[in-house]
N, C-alpha and C. Protein backbone atom coordinates (compact mmCIF):
# COMPACT_ATOMS: atom_id res chain seq x y z
N UNK A 1 19.49 -15.58 -12.12
CA UNK A 1 19.39 -14.44 -11.24
C UNK A 1 20.56 -14.44 -10.26
N UNK A 2 21.24 -13.37 -10.24
CA UNK A 2 22.43 -13.26 -9.42
C UNK A 2 22.09 -13.13 -7.94
N UNK A 3 20.99 -12.46 -7.63
CA UNK A 3 20.65 -12.18 -6.24
C UNK A 3 19.64 -13.17 -5.66
N UNK A 4 19.44 -14.29 -6.32
CA UNK A 4 18.44 -15.26 -5.86
C UNK A 4 18.82 -15.87 -4.52
N UNK A 5 20.09 -16.17 -4.29
CA UNK A 5 20.49 -16.78 -3.03
C UNK A 5 20.43 -15.80 -1.88
N UNK A 6 20.80 -14.57 -2.14
CA UNK A 6 20.86 -13.57 -1.09
C UNK A 6 19.89 -12.43 -1.43
N UNK A 7 18.61 -12.75 -1.47
CA UNK A 7 17.62 -11.81 -1.98
C UNK A 7 17.43 -10.58 -1.10
N UNK A 8 17.72 -10.67 0.19
CA UNK A 8 17.52 -9.50 1.04
C UNK A 8 18.71 -8.56 1.02
N UNK A 9 19.82 -8.92 0.39
CA UNK A 9 20.98 -8.06 0.31
C UNK A 9 20.77 -6.95 -0.71
N UNK A 10 20.14 -7.27 -1.82
CA UNK A 10 19.96 -6.30 -2.89
C UNK A 10 19.15 -5.08 -2.46
N UNK A 11 17.98 -5.22 -1.83
CA UNK A 11 17.24 -4.03 -1.42
C UNK A 11 18.00 -3.18 -0.39
N UNK A 12 18.74 -3.81 0.51
CA UNK A 12 19.50 -3.03 1.49
C UNK A 12 20.59 -2.23 0.82
N UNK A 13 21.25 -2.85 -0.18
CA UNK A 13 22.31 -2.17 -0.89
C UNK A 13 21.74 -1.00 -1.69
N UNK A 14 20.60 -1.23 -2.35
CA UNK A 14 19.97 -0.17 -3.14
C UNK A 14 19.51 0.98 -2.26
N UNK A 15 18.97 0.65 -1.10
CA UNK A 15 18.51 1.70 -0.19
C UNK A 15 19.69 2.55 0.28
N UNK A 16 20.82 1.90 0.57
CA UNK A 16 22.01 2.64 0.98
C UNK A 16 22.49 3.56 -0.13
N UNK A 17 22.49 3.05 -1.37
CA UNK A 17 22.93 3.86 -2.50
C UNK A 17 22.00 5.05 -2.71
N UNK A 18 20.69 4.84 -2.59
CA UNK A 18 19.74 5.93 -2.75
C UNK A 18 19.92 6.99 -1.68
N UNK A 19 20.09 6.57 -0.44
CA UNK A 19 20.28 7.53 0.66
C UNK A 19 21.59 8.26 0.48
N UNK A 20 22.64 7.57 0.05
CA UNK A 20 23.93 8.20 -0.17
C UNK A 20 23.83 9.30 -1.22
N UNK A 21 23.22 8.99 -2.37
CA UNK A 21 23.10 9.99 -3.43
C UNK A 21 22.19 11.14 -3.02
N UNK A 22 21.13 10.84 -2.30
CA UNK A 22 20.25 11.92 -1.83
C UNK A 22 21.01 12.88 -0.93
N UNK A 23 21.75 12.35 0.04
CA UNK A 23 22.51 13.20 0.94
C UNK A 23 23.64 13.93 0.22
N UNK A 24 24.26 13.27 -0.75
CA UNK A 24 25.33 13.90 -1.52
C UNK A 24 24.79 15.12 -2.28
N UNK A 25 23.68 14.95 -2.98
CA UNK A 25 23.13 16.07 -3.74
C UNK A 25 22.50 17.12 -2.84
N UNK A 26 22.06 16.73 -1.66
CA UNK A 26 21.47 17.69 -0.74
C UNK A 26 22.53 18.63 -0.17
N UNK A 27 23.68 18.09 0.17
CA UNK A 27 24.69 18.90 0.84
C UNK A 27 25.78 19.44 -0.08
N UNK A 28 25.78 19.08 -1.34
CA UNK A 28 26.79 19.60 -2.25
C UNK A 28 26.13 20.52 -3.29
N UNK A 29 25.49 21.54 -2.82
CA UNK A 29 24.78 22.44 -3.72
C UNK A 29 25.67 23.63 -4.08
N UNK A 30 25.34 24.26 -5.19
CA UNK A 30 25.98 25.50 -5.61
C UNK A 30 24.96 26.61 -5.47
N UNK A 31 25.42 27.82 -5.46
CA UNK A 31 24.51 28.95 -5.38
C UNK A 31 23.75 29.09 -6.69
N UNK A 32 22.46 29.35 -6.60
CA UNK A 32 21.62 29.40 -7.79
C UNK A 32 21.56 30.79 -8.39
N UNK A 33 21.69 31.84 -7.59
CA UNK A 33 21.54 33.22 -8.05
C UNK A 33 20.24 33.38 -8.82
N UNK A 34 19.16 32.88 -8.27
CA UNK A 34 17.86 32.93 -8.92
C UNK A 34 17.06 34.11 -8.39
N UNK A 35 16.16 34.58 -9.20
CA UNK A 35 15.29 35.69 -8.83
C UNK A 35 13.92 35.14 -8.46
N UNK A 36 13.44 35.54 -7.30
CA UNK A 36 12.09 35.13 -6.88
C UNK A 36 11.15 36.28 -7.18
N UNK A 37 10.19 36.02 -8.01
CA UNK A 37 9.23 37.00 -8.46
C UNK A 37 8.32 37.44 -7.31
N UNK A 38 7.86 38.70 -7.29
CA UNK A 38 6.93 39.12 -6.23
C UNK A 38 5.62 38.34 -6.23
N UNK A 39 5.22 37.79 -7.37
CA UNK A 39 4.00 37.01 -7.44
C UNK A 39 4.11 35.67 -6.72
N UNK A 40 5.32 35.27 -6.39
CA UNK A 40 5.52 34.01 -5.69
C UNK A 40 4.87 34.03 -4.32
N UNK A 41 4.93 35.18 -3.65
CA UNK A 41 4.28 35.31 -2.34
C UNK A 41 2.78 35.10 -2.45
N UNK A 42 2.18 35.63 -3.51
CA UNK A 42 0.75 35.44 -3.73
C UNK A 42 0.40 33.99 -4.00
N UNK A 43 1.25 33.32 -4.74
CA UNK A 43 1.01 31.89 -5.02
C UNK A 43 1.12 31.08 -3.74
N UNK A 44 2.12 31.39 -2.92
CA UNK A 44 2.27 30.68 -1.65
C UNK A 44 1.09 30.94 -0.72
N UNK A 45 0.60 32.17 -0.71
CA UNK A 45 -0.57 32.51 0.11
C UNK A 45 -1.81 31.76 -0.38
N UNK A 46 -2.00 31.68 -1.69
CA UNK A 46 -3.14 30.94 -2.23
C UNK A 46 -3.05 29.46 -1.89
N UNK A 47 -1.85 28.90 -1.95
CA UNK A 47 -1.68 27.49 -1.61
C UNK A 47 -1.99 27.25 -0.14
N UNK A 48 -1.55 28.17 0.72
CA UNK A 48 -1.82 28.04 2.15
C UNK A 48 -3.31 28.15 2.44
N UNK A 49 -3.98 29.11 1.82
CA UNK A 49 -5.43 29.26 2.03
C UNK A 49 -6.19 28.06 1.46
N UNK A 50 -5.75 27.53 0.35
CA UNK A 50 -6.37 26.33 -0.20
C UNK A 50 -6.21 25.14 0.71
N UNK A 51 -5.04 25.02 1.33
CA UNK A 51 -4.81 23.94 2.29
C UNK A 51 -5.71 24.08 3.51
N UNK A 52 -5.86 25.29 4.01
CA UNK A 52 -6.75 25.52 5.15
C UNK A 52 -8.19 25.19 4.79
N UNK A 53 -8.63 25.58 3.60
CA UNK A 53 -10.00 25.28 3.16
C UNK A 53 -10.21 23.77 3.00
N UNK A 54 -9.21 23.07 2.46
CA UNK A 54 -9.34 21.63 2.27
C UNK A 54 -9.41 20.91 3.61
N UNK A 55 -8.59 21.33 4.57
CA UNK A 55 -8.62 20.71 5.89
C UNK A 55 -9.94 20.99 6.58
N UNK A 56 -10.45 22.21 6.44
CA UNK A 56 -11.75 22.54 7.02
C UNK A 56 -12.88 21.73 6.41
N UNK A 57 -12.85 21.55 5.10
CA UNK A 57 -13.88 20.75 4.43
C UNK A 57 -13.80 19.29 4.86
N UNK A 58 -12.60 18.77 5.02
CA UNK A 58 -12.42 17.39 5.44
C UNK A 58 -12.96 17.18 6.85
N UNK A 59 -12.67 18.13 7.72
CA UNK A 59 -13.15 18.01 9.11
C UNK A 59 -14.66 18.08 9.17
N UNK A 60 -15.27 19.03 8.47
CA UNK A 60 -16.73 19.15 8.52
C UNK A 60 -17.42 17.97 7.85
N UNK A 61 -16.78 17.37 6.85
CA UNK A 61 -17.38 16.23 6.16
C UNK A 61 -17.47 15.02 7.07
N UNK A 62 -16.44 14.77 7.83
CA UNK A 62 -16.41 13.57 8.67
C UNK A 62 -16.81 13.83 10.13
N UNK A 63 -17.11 15.07 10.48
CA UNK A 63 -17.50 15.38 11.85
C UNK A 63 -18.82 14.71 12.21
N UNK A 64 -19.79 14.75 11.30
CA UNK A 64 -21.08 14.12 11.58
C UNK A 64 -20.95 12.62 11.75
N UNK A 65 -20.15 11.99 10.90
CA UNK A 65 -19.96 10.55 11.02
C UNK A 65 -19.30 10.20 12.36
N UNK A 66 -18.32 10.98 12.76
CA UNK A 66 -17.65 10.75 14.04
C UNK A 66 -18.61 10.97 15.21
N UNK A 67 -19.41 12.03 15.11
CA UNK A 67 -20.37 12.35 16.17
C UNK A 67 -21.42 11.24 16.30
N UNK A 68 -21.93 10.75 15.18
CA UNK A 68 -22.90 9.66 15.22
C UNK A 68 -22.28 8.38 15.77
N UNK A 69 -21.03 8.12 15.45
CA UNK A 69 -20.33 6.95 15.97
C UNK A 69 -20.19 7.03 17.49
N UNK A 70 -19.81 8.18 18.00
CA UNK A 70 -19.67 8.36 19.45
C UNK A 70 -21.02 8.26 20.13
N UNK A 71 -22.04 8.84 19.52
CA UNK A 71 -23.39 8.75 20.09
C UNK A 71 -23.89 7.30 20.11
N UNK A 72 -23.55 6.54 19.09
CA UNK A 72 -23.96 5.14 19.04
C UNK A 72 -23.24 4.33 20.13
N UNK A 73 -21.98 4.64 20.37
CA UNK A 73 -21.23 3.93 21.41
C UNK A 73 -21.83 4.20 22.79
N UNK A 74 -22.13 5.44 23.08
CA UNK A 74 -22.67 5.81 24.38
C UNK A 74 -24.19 5.80 24.42
N UNK A 75 -24.81 5.44 23.30
CA UNK A 75 -26.27 5.32 23.17
C UNK A 75 -27.00 6.59 23.59
N UNK A 76 -26.54 7.69 23.03
CA UNK A 76 -27.16 8.99 23.27
C UNK A 76 -28.16 9.22 22.14
N UNK A 77 -29.41 9.53 22.51
CA UNK A 77 -30.44 9.77 21.51
C UNK A 77 -30.46 11.24 21.17
N UNK A 78 -30.83 11.53 19.90
CA UNK A 78 -30.96 12.91 19.45
C UNK A 78 -32.21 13.53 20.02
N UNK A 79 -32.13 14.81 20.30
CA UNK A 79 -33.29 15.57 20.75
C UNK A 79 -33.97 16.17 19.54
N UNK A 80 -35.23 15.80 19.31
CA UNK A 80 -35.97 16.33 18.16
C UNK A 80 -36.99 17.35 18.60
C-alpha cells in the first residue's frame, strides 16, 4: 500500500480534487437552449404541496409524543 505511511494525506487530496472538479463544472457551463414545458410548473407545484403535506404529517405524528414528554417532565396530569 502506497498510502500506508501517510494515510491521512490521501483523503485530503481526494477531497480537494472532488471540490476542484465540482467547482470547475459548476462555473464552466454552456448555454443549454432547453425548452421548459408548461407542465413543469404543475409538477413543481405538486412537489411543493407534497412536501407541505409530509411536513404536516410528521409534525402531527410526533406532536403527541412531544406533548406527553413535556407533561411528564412537569408532571401535569390530563383532565378527563
